[in-house]
Amino acid sequence: MEDRFAKRIPLHIWTRPPDSHVSESEFWVSLGIAVGMRYARTRATRGDRRRQLTEFLIASAAACGSNFVTLLIDEAQALTFREWNWLLGLQNALDWDGYRLSVFSIASHQMDYTYELLGKADHAHVAARFMVAHWPFPGITSAEEIEFVLQGYDEASEWPADSGSSYLAHFVPQAYAHGARLAPCATVLWRALEALLPTHYKGGCRISHAAHCLGHRRNSGLRRARQRLGRCDVRIALD
């Protein structure tokens, strides 16, 4: 998004808790805590809570020299009709002040039915606002994509926070210092995953073909994949 808009865009992430929010105040408290509001837990009316969150989001956008704010909601399939309407009110409040709030929802497959349910429940305007486009996540489909993920553990991550160390550097510092990385094992890991597929798997062509080629020799193929992966693990541990 920074590349597209040529400026920093504030991104706030909220994981919707599994328990339903009985009141609107609880909803704003949960959302305020997630975005980092210092006084999200203080005593206030629901109107004050929403106003505080609105001002906080405006400040986060202004700090980036923008009038654009993004909210990413994880476990969005658990949101109730009331919560979607509360988000609609937040978006309207920001819009009134000249700021744009875009909501990206990450959810399970049951979210596919939410659009239709909102429409039938007289909430079509909510669906039209927050569910304009859908993209089904295909999962990891190649060794190249696994390599990209593993590179994140190798380099493009940080643990603990503000430490400057990647996940791999933190958990196996000696091996990391000697040049051990996970990304070179991507091809071997992909072969191992393919070998674990059921014999009659009917997935994508490439994976189906791989499973078919293993055929009655699947067990020996799996053993070879395990052996290769094992050597890769040993190399990481000992280098």
C-alpha atoms as a PDB file:
ATOM      1  CA  MET A   1       0.000   0.000   0.000  1.00  0.00           C
ATOM      2  CA  GLU A   2       2.903   2.333   0.644  1.00  0.00           C
ATOM      3  CA  ASP A   3       4.106   1.697  -2.911  1.00  0.00           C
ATOM      4  CA  ARG A   4       0.651   2.339  -4.323  1.00  0.00           C
ATOM      5  CA  PHE A   5      -0.056   5.548  -2.413  1.00  0.00           C
ATOM      6  CA  ALA A   6       3.570   6.749  -2.183  1.00  0.00           C
ATOM      7  CA  LYS A   7       3.191   7.385   1.549  1.00  0.00           C
ATOM      8  CA  ARG A   8       2.969   5.543   4.846  1.00  0.00           C
ATOM      9  CA  ILE A   9      -0.427   4.067   5.614  1.00  0.00           C
ATOM     10  CA  PRO A  10      -1.326   3.294   9.256  1.00  0.00           C
ATOM     11  CA  LEU A  11      -2.348  -0.341   9.666  1.00  0.00           C
ATOM     12  CA  HIS A  12      -4.210  -1.456  12.781  1.00  0.00           C
ATOM     13  CA  ILE A  13      -4.845  -5.142  13.478  1.00  0.00           C
ATOM     14  CA  TRP A  14      -7.667  -6.516  15.601  1.00  0.00           C
ATOM     15  CA  THR A  15      -8.255 -10.197  16.316  1.00  0.00           C
ATOM     16  CA  ARG A  16     -11.915 -10.511  17.093  1.00  0.00           C
ATOM     17  CA  PRO A  17     -12.210 -12.420  20.409  1.00  0.00           C
ATOM     18  CA  PRO A  18     -14.319 -15.602  20.367  1.00  0.00           C
ATOM     19  CA  ASP A  19     -16.789 -14.358  22.971  1.00  0.00           C
ATOM     20  CA  SER A  20     -19.543 -12.120  21.667  1.00  0.00           C
ATOM     21  CA  HIS A  21     -19.592  -8.467  22.692  1.00  0.00           C
ATOM     22  CA  VAL A  22     -22.802  -8.001  24.641  1.00  0.00           C
ATOM     23  CA  SER A  23     -22.575  -4.224  24.657  1.00  0.00           C
ATOM     24  CA  GLU A  24     -21.234  -1.584  22.316  1.00  0.00           C
ATOM     25  CA  SER A  25     -18.916  -0.316  25.051  1.00  0.00           C
ATOM     26  CA  GLU A  26     -17.213  -3.733  25.253  1.00  0.00           C
ATOM     27  CA  PHE A  27     -16.745  -3.633  21.501  1.00  0.00           C
ATOM     28  CA  TRP A  28     -14.988  -0.252  21.568  1.00  0.00           C
ATOM     29  CA  VAL A  29     -12.813  -1.312  24.506  1.00  0.00           C
ATOM     30  CA  SER A  30     -11.653  -4.436  22.660  1.00  0.00           C
ATOM     31  CA  LEU A  31     -10.960  -2.493  19.478  1.00  0.00           C
ATOM     32  CA  GLY A  32      -9.233   0.333  21.357  1.00  0.00           C
ATOM     33  CA  ILE A  33      -6.895  -2.056  23.153  1.00  0.00           C
ATOM     34  CA  ALA A  34      -6.019  -3.749  19.854  1.00  0.00           C
ATOM     35  CA  VAL A  35      -5.020  -0.524  18.107  1.00  0.00           C
ATOM     36  CA  GLY A  36      -2.944   0.646  21.075  1.00  0.00           C
ATOM     37  CA  MET A  37      -5.093   3.261  22.781  1.00  0.00           C
ATOM     38  CA  ARG A  38      -3.521   3.982  26.150  1.00  0.00           C
ATOM     39  CA  TYR A  39      -6.780   4.776  27.917  1.00  0.00           C
ATOM     40  CA  ALA A  40      -9.009   2.225  26.228  1.00  0.00           C
ATOM     41  CA  ARG A  41      -9.953   0.630  29.570  1.00  0.00           C
ATOM     42  CA  THR A  42     -10.877   3.836  31.381  1.00  0.00           C
ATOM     43  CA  ARG A  43     -14.466   4.445  32.426  1.00  0.00           C
ATOM     44  CA  ALA A  44     -16.439   6.202  29.671  1.00  0.00           C
ATOM     45  CA  THR A  45     -19.758   6.135  27.869  1.00  0.00           C
ATOM     46  CA  ARG A  46     -20.046   4.216  24.601  1.00  0.00           C
ATOM     47  CA  GLY A  47     -20.251   7.499  22.690  1.00  0.00           C
ATOM     48  CA  ASP A  48     -17.073   8.750  24.333  1.00  0.00           C
ATOM     49  CA  ARG A  49     -15.300   5.481  23.567  1.00  0.00           C
ATOM     50  CA  ARG A  50     -16.144   5.704  19.899  1.00  0.00           C
ATOM     51  CA  ARG A  51     -15.108   9.346  19.778  1.00  0.00           C
ATOM     52  CA  GLN A  52     -11.777   8.529  21.461  1.00  0.00           C
ATOM     53  CA  LEU A  53     -11.131   5.734  18.956  1.00  0.00           C
ATOM     54  CA  THR A  54     -12.070   8.022  16.070  1.00  0.00           C
ATOM     55  CA  GLU A  55      -9.623  10.670  17.269  1.00  0.00           C
ATOM     56  CA  PHE A  56      -6.907   8.053  17.789  1.00  0.00           C
ATOM     57  CA  LEU A  57      -7.284   6.752  14.220  1.00  0.00           C
ATOM     58  CA  ILE A  58      -7.238  10.294  12.854  1.00  0.00           C
ATOM     59  CA  ALA A  59      -4.040  10.985  14.798  1.00  0.00           C
ATOM     60  CA  SER A  60      -2.419   7.815  13.436  1.00  0.00           C
ATOM     61  CA  ALA A  61      -3.238   8.911   9.890  1.00  0.00           C
ATOM     62  CA  ALA A  62      -2.051  12.474  10.471  1.00  0.00           C
ATOM     63  CA  ALA A  63       1.239  11.156  11.862  1.00  0.00           C
ATOM     64  CA  CYS A  64       1.801   9.468   8.498  1.00  0.00           C
ATOM     65  CA  GLY A  65       0.829  12.560   6.552  1.00  0.00           C
ATOM     66  CA  SER A  66      -2.263  10.815   5.248  1.00  0.00           C
ATOM     67  CA  ASN A  67      -6.026  10.806   5.564  1.00  0.00           C
ATOM     68  CA  PHE A  68      -6.212   7.049   5.052  1.00  0.00           C
ATOM     69  CA  VAL A  69      -6.504   4.398   7.801  1.00  0.00           C
ATOM     70  CA  THR A  70      -6.640   0.615   7.436  1.00  0.00           C
ATOM     71  CA  LEU A  71      -8.088  -1.888   9.886  1.00  0.00           C
ATOM     72  CA  LEU A  72      -7.356  -5.580   9.466  1.00  0.00           C
ATOM     73  CA  ILE A  73      -9.781  -7.865  11.292  1.00  0.00           C
ATOM     74  CA  ASP A  74      -8.753 -11.443  11.960  1.00  0.00           C
ATOM     75  CA  GLU A  75     -11.423 -14.066  12.747  1.00  0.00           C
ATOM     76  CA  ALA A  76     -13.950 -11.767  11.095  1.00  0.00           C
ATOM     77  CA  GLN A  77     -16.422 -14.620  10.597  1.00  0.00           C
ATOM     78  CA  ALA A  78     -17.315 -14.222  14.292  1.00  0.00           C
ATOM     79  CA  LEU A  79     -18.529 -10.631  13.904  1.00  0.00           C
ATOM     80  CA  THR A  80     -22.216 -10.152  14.625  1.00  0.00           C
ATOM     81  CA  PHE A  81     -24.617  -7.947  12.666  1.00  0.00           C
ATOM     82  CA  ARG A  82     -24.476  -5.378  15.458  1.00  0.00           C
ATOM     83  CA  GLU A  83     -20.680  -5.247  15.351  1.00  0.00           C
ATOM     84  CA  TRP A  84     -20.698  -4.684  11.594  1.00  0.00           C
ATOM     85  CA  ASN A  85     -23.102  -1.798  12.129  1.00  0.00           C
ATOM     86  CA  TRP A  86     -20.877  -0.330  14.848  1.00  0.00           C
ATOM     87  CA  LEU A  87     -17.954  -0.439  12.422  1.00  0.00           C
ATOM     88  CA  LEU A  88     -20.148   1.299   9.884  1.00  0.00           C
ATOM     89  CA  GLY A  89     -20.739   4.082  12.396  1.00  0.00           C
ATOM     90  CA  LEU A  90     -16.990   4.395  12.991  1.00  0.00           C
ATOM     91  CA  GLN A  91     -16.333   4.614   9.268  1.00  0.00           C
ATOM     92  CA  ASN A  92     -19.014   7.301   8.876  1.00  0.00           C
ATOM     93  CA  ALA A  93     -17.537   9.316  11.746  1.00  0.00           C
ATOM     94  CA  LEU A  94     -14.088   9.241  10.142  1.00  0.00           C
ATOM     95  CA  ASP A  95     -15.542  10.098   6.764  1.00  0.00           C
ATOM     96  CA  TRP A  96     -17.278  13.131   8.263  1.00  0.00           C
ATOM     97  CA  ASP A  97     -13.878  14.429   9.387  1.00  0.00           C
ATOM     98  CA  GLY A  98     -12.302  13.804   5.973  1.00  0.00           C
ATOM     99  CA  TYR A  99     -10.595  10.496   6.733  1.00  0.00           C
ATOM    100  CA  ARG A 100     -11.088   7.201   4.984  1.00  0.00           C
ATOM    101  CA  LEU A 101     -11.222   3.863   6.832  1.00  0.00           C
ATOM    102  CA  SER A 102     -10.735   0.678   4.823  1.00  0.00           C
ATOM    103  CA  VAL A 103     -11.491  -2.642   6.488  1.00  0.00           C
ATOM    104  CA  PHE A 104      -9.819  -5.892   5.432  1.00  0.00           C
ATOM    105  CA  SER A 105     -11.381  -9.031   6.896  1.00  0.00           C
ATOM    106  CA  ILE A 106      -9.599 -12.365   7.302  1.00  0.00           C
ATOM    107  CA  ALA A 107     -12.044 -15.160   7.929  1.00  0.00           C
ATOM    108  CA  SER A 108     -12.859 -18.828   7.437  1.00  0.00           C
ATOM    109  CA  HIS A 109     -14.994 -20.114   4.570  1.00  0.00           C
ATOM    110  CA  GLN A 110     -18.216 -19.463   6.449  1.00  0.00           C
ATOM    111  CA  MET A 111     -17.626 -15.773   5.686  1.00  0.00           C
ATOM    112  CA  ASP A 112     -18.768 -16.575   2.135  1.00  0.00           C
ATOM    113  CA  TYR A 113     -22.340 -16.729   3.424  1.00  0.00           C
ATOM    114  CA  THR A 114     -22.175 -13.526   5.469  1.00  0.00           C
ATOM    115  CA  TYR A 115     -22.761 -11.300   2.434  1.00  0.00           C
ATOM    116  CA  GLU A 116     -26.022 -13.102   1.619  1.00  0.00           C
ATOM    117  CA  LEU A 117     -27.105 -13.257   5.257  1.00  0.00           C
ATOM    118  CA  LEU A 118     -26.565  -9.521   5.722  1.00  0.00           C
ATOM    119  CA  GLY A 119     -28.631  -8.833   2.629  1.00  0.00           C
ATOM    120  CA  LYS A 120     -31.521 -11.023   3.771  1.00  0.00           C
ATOM    121  CA  ALA A 121     -31.390  -9.548   7.268  1.00  0.00           C
ATOM    122  CA  ASP A 122     -31.918  -5.997   5.964  1.00  0.00           C
ATOM    123  CA  HIS A 123     -28.213  -5.121   6.302  1.00  0.00           C
ATOM    124  CA  ALA A 124     -27.380  -4.974   2.599  1.00  0.00           C
ATOM    125  CA  HIS A 125     -25.799  -1.552   3.056  1.00  0.00           C
ATOM    126  CA  VAL A 126     -23.282  -3.073   5.496  1.00  0.00           C
ATOM    127  CA  ALA A 127     -22.368  -5.850   3.067  1.00  0.00           C
ATOM    128  CA  ALA A 128     -21.947  -3.316   0.264  1.00  0.00           C
ATOM    129  CA  ARG A 129     -19.614  -1.266   2.452  1.00  0.00           C
ATOM    130  CA  PHE A 130     -17.338  -3.956   3.899  1.00  0.00           C
ATOM    131  CA  MET A 131     -17.590  -6.895   1.498  1.00  0.00           C
ATOM    132  CA  VAL A 132     -16.994  -5.330  -1.886  1.00  0.00           C
ATOM    133  CA  ALA A 133     -14.409  -7.893  -2.991  1.00  0.00           C
ATOM    134  CA  HIS A 134     -13.522 -11.419  -1.927  1.00  0.00           C
ATOM    135  CA  TRP A 135     -10.294 -13.329  -2.399  1.00  0.00           C
ATOM    136  CA  PRO A 136     -10.028 -16.992  -1.335  1.00  0.00           C
ATOM    137  CA  PHE A 137      -6.580 -17.722   0.077  1.00  0.00           C
ATOM    138  CA  PRO A 138      -5.157 -20.629  -1.957  1.00  0.00           C
ATOM    139  CA  GLY A 139      -2.560 -21.679   0.586  1.00  0.00           C
ATOM    140  CA  ILE A 140       1.044 -22.419  -0.299  1.00  0.00           C
ATOM    141  CA  THR A 141       1.200 -23.855  -3.809  1.00  0.00           C
ATOM    142  CA  SER A 142       4.882 -24.219  -4.636  1.00  0.00           C
ATOM    143  CA  ALA A 143       8.382 -24.655  -3.265  1.00  0.00           C
ATOM    144  CA  GLU A 144       9.060 -21.040  -4.211  1.00  0.00           C
ATOM    145  CA  GLU A 145       6.299 -19.848  -1.907  1.00  0.00           C
ATOM    146  CA  ILE A 146       7.603 -22.028   0.923  1.00  0.00           C
ATOM    147  CA  GLU A 147      11.015 -20.503   0.346  1.00  0.00           C
ATOM    148  CA  PHE A 148       9.513 -17.017   0.662  1.00  0.00           C
ATOM    149  CA  VAL A 149       7.909 -17.981   3.997  1.00  0.00           C
ATOM    150  CA  LEU A 150      11.125 -19.504   5.323  1.00  0.00           C
ATOM    151  CA  GLN A 151      13.059 -16.403   4.323  1.00  0.00           C
ATOM    152  CA  GLY A 152      10.785 -14.542   6.706  1.00  0.00           C
ATOM    153  CA  TYR A 153      11.977 -16.717   9.584  1.00  0.00           C
ATOM    154  CA  ASP A 154      15.563 -16.314   8.378  1.00  0.00           C
ATOM    155  CA  GLU A 155      15.680 -12.573   7.889  1.00  0.00           C
ATOM    156  CA  ALA A 156      12.348 -10.710   7.614  1.00  0.00           C
ATOM    157  CA  SER A 157      11.191 -11.207  11.205  1.00  0.00           C
ATOM    158  CA  GLU A 158      12.047  -9.979  14.667  1.00  0.00           C
ATOM    159  CA  TRP A 159      11.942 -11.813  17.965  1.00  0.00           C
ATOM    160  CA  PRO A 160      11.795 -10.654  20.666  1.00  0.00           C
ATOM    161  CA  ALA A 161      10.274  -7.336  19.672  1.00  0.00           C
ATOM    162  CA  ASP A 162      12.775  -4.530  19.077  1.00  0.00           C
ATOM    163  CA  SER A 163      15.695  -6.960  19.402  1.00  0.00           C
ATOM    164  CA  GLY A 164      16.919  -6.729  15.817  1.00  0.00           C
ATOM    165  CA  SER A 165      17.140 -10.542  15.694  1.00  0.00           C
ATOM    166  CA  SER A 166      15.134 -12.787  13.380  1.00  0.00           C
ATOM    167  CA  TYR A 167      13.255 -15.842  14.652  1.00  0.00           C
ATOM    168  CA  LEU A 168      15.962 -18.211  13.480  1.00  0.00           C
ATOM    169  CA  ALA A 169      18.760 -16.064  14.884  1.00  0.00           C
ATOM    170  CA  HIS A 170      17.016 -15.995  18.265  1.00  0.00           C
ATOM    171  CA  PHE A 171      16.275 -19.701  18.610  1.00  0.00           C
ATOM    172  CA  VAL A 172      19.496 -21.140  17.087  1.00  0.00           C
ATOM    173  CA  PRO A 173      22.030 -18.315  17.429  1.00  0.00           C
ATOM    174  CA  GLN A 174      25.158 -20.436  16.989  1.00  0.00           C
ATOM    175  CA  ALA A 175      23.919 -22.169  13.841  1.00  0.00           C
ATOM    176  CA  TYR A 176      22.676 -18.837  12.488  1.00  0.00           C
ATOM    177  CA  ALA A 177      26.060 -17.238  13.125  1.00  0.00           C
ATOM    178  CA  HIS A 178      27.675 -20.010  11.065  1.00  0.00           C
ATOM    179  CA  GLY A 179      25.373 -19.312   8.116  1.00  0.00           C
ATOM    180  CA  ALA A 180      22.495 -21.746   8.709  1.00  0.00           C
ATOM    181  CA  ARG A 181      19.244 -20.719   7.017  1.00  0.00           C
ATOM    182  CA  LEU A 182      15.851 -22.372   6.515  1.00  0.00           C
ATOM    183  CA  ALA A 183      15.149 -21.112   2.985  1.00  0.00           C
ATOM    184  CA  PRO A 184      17.563 -23.560   1.246  1.00  0.00           C
ATOM    185  CA  CYS A 185      15.435 -26.423   2.609  1.00  0.00           C
ATOM    186  CA  ALA A 186      12.292 -25.245   0.776  1.00  0.00           C
ATOM    187  CA  THR A 187      12.515 -27.761  -2.077  1.00  0.00           C
ATOM    188  CA  VAL A 188      13.100 -30.694   0.257  1.00  0.00           C
ATOM    189  CA  LEU A 189      10.224 -29.599   2.499  1.00  0.00           C
ATOM    190  CA  TRP A 190       7.914 -29.283  -0.507  1.00  0.00           C
ATOM    191  CA  ARG A 191       8.802 -32.818  -1.635  1.00  0.00           C
ATOM    192  CA  ALA A 192       8.102 -34.113   1.850  1.00  0.00           C
ATOM    193  CA  LEU A 193       4.684 -32.437   1.879  1.00  0.00           C
ATOM    194  CA  GLU A 194       3.879 -33.905  -1.528  1.00  0.00           C
ATOM    195  CA  ALA A 195       4.935 -37.346  -0.336  1.00  0.00           C
ATOM    196  CA  LEU A 196       2.522 -37.076   2.593  1.00  0.00           C
ATOM    197  CA  LEU A 197      -0.479 -36.571   0.291  1.00  0.00           C
ATOM    198  CA  PRO A 198      -3.001 -39.411   0.120  1.00  0.00           C
ATOM    199  CA  THR A 199      -2.439 -41.678  -2.875  1.00  0.00           C
ATOM    200  CA  HIS A 200      -5.706 -40.704  -4.565  1.00  0.00           C
ATOM    201  CA  TYR A 201      -5.545 -36.994  -3.739  1.00  0.00           C
ATOM    202  CA  LYS A 202      -7.526 -34.958  -6.306  1.00  0.00           C
ATOM    203  CA  GLY A 203      -6.056 -31.520  -5.694  1.00  0.00           C
ATOM    204  CA  GLY A 204      -4.161 -29.295  -8.093  1.00  0.00           C
ATOM    205  CA  CYS A 205      -2.629 -30.828 -11.208  1.00  0.00           C
ATOM    206  CA  ARG A 206       0.954 -30.493 -10.110  1.00  0.00           C
ATOM    207  CA  ILE A 207       0.327 -32.013  -6.693  1.00  0.00           C
ATOM    208  CA  SER A 208      -1.991 -34.696  -8.065  1.00  0.00           C
ATOM    209  CA  HIS A 209       0.622 -35.667 -10.606  1.00  0.00           C
ATOM    210  CA  ALA A 210       3.249 -35.899  -7.896  1.00  0.00           C
ATOM    211  CA  ALA A 211       1.008 -38.124  -5.775  1.00  0.00           C
ATOM    212  CA  HIS A 212       0.175 -40.290  -8.778  1.00  0.00           C
ATOM    213  CA  CYS A 213       3.834 -40.706  -9.668  1.00  0.00           C
ATOM    214  CA  LEU A 214       4.543 -41.926  -6.165  1.00  0.00           C
ATOM    215  CA  GLY A 215       1.845 -44.577  -6.635  1.00  0.00           C
ATOM    216  CA  HIS A 216       2.631 -47.880  -4.993  1.00  0.00           C
ATOM    217  CA  ARG A 217       6.118 -46.560  -4.287  1.00  0.00           C
ATOM    218  CA  ARG A 218       4.708 -43.816  -2.074  1.00  0.00           C
ATOM    219  CA  ASN A 219       6.214 -45.258   1.112  1.00  0.00           C
ATOM    220  CA  SER A 220       9.707 -45.414  -0.327  1.00  0.00           C
ATOM    221  CA  GLY A 221       9.295 -41.898  -1.713  1.00  0.00           C
ATOM    222  CA  LEU A 222       8.210 -40.667   1.695  1.00  0.00           C
ATOM    223  CA  ARG A 223      11.205 -42.331   3.310  1.00  0.00           C
ATOM    224  CA  ARG A 224      13.538 -40.625   0.846  1.00  0.00           C
ATOM    225  CA  ALA A 225      11.885 -37.261   1.499  1.00  0.00           C
ATOM    226  CA  ARG A 226      12.211 -37.762   5.240  1.00  0.00           C
ATOM    227  CA  GLN A 227      15.850 -38.704   4.854  1.00  0.00           C
ATOM    228  CA  ARG A 228      16.553 -35.602   2.777  1.00  0.00           C
ATOM    229  CA  LEU A 229      14.646 -33.378   5.169  1.00  0.00           C
ATOM    230  CA  GLY A 230      16.470 -34.966   8.074  1.00  0.00           C
ATOM    231  CA  ARG A 231      19.827 -34.189   6.513  1.00  0.00           C
ATOM    232  CA  CYS A 232      18.670 -30.626   5.991  1.00  0.00           C
ATOM    233  CA  ASP A 233      17.666 -30.359   9.650  1.00  0.00           C
ATOM    234  CA  VAL A 234      21.012 -31.751  10.785  1.00  0.00           C
ATOM    235  CA  ARG A 235      22.843 -29.317   8.572  1.00  0.00           C
ATOM    236  CA  ILE A 236      20.980 -26.431  10.137  1.00  0.00           C
ATOM    237  CA  ALA A 237      21.678 -27.667  13.646  1.00  0.00           C
ATOM    238  CA  LEU A 238      25.360 -28.336  13.199  1.00  0.00           C
ATOM    239  CA  ASP A 239      26.686 -25.709  10.782  1.00  0.00           C
END
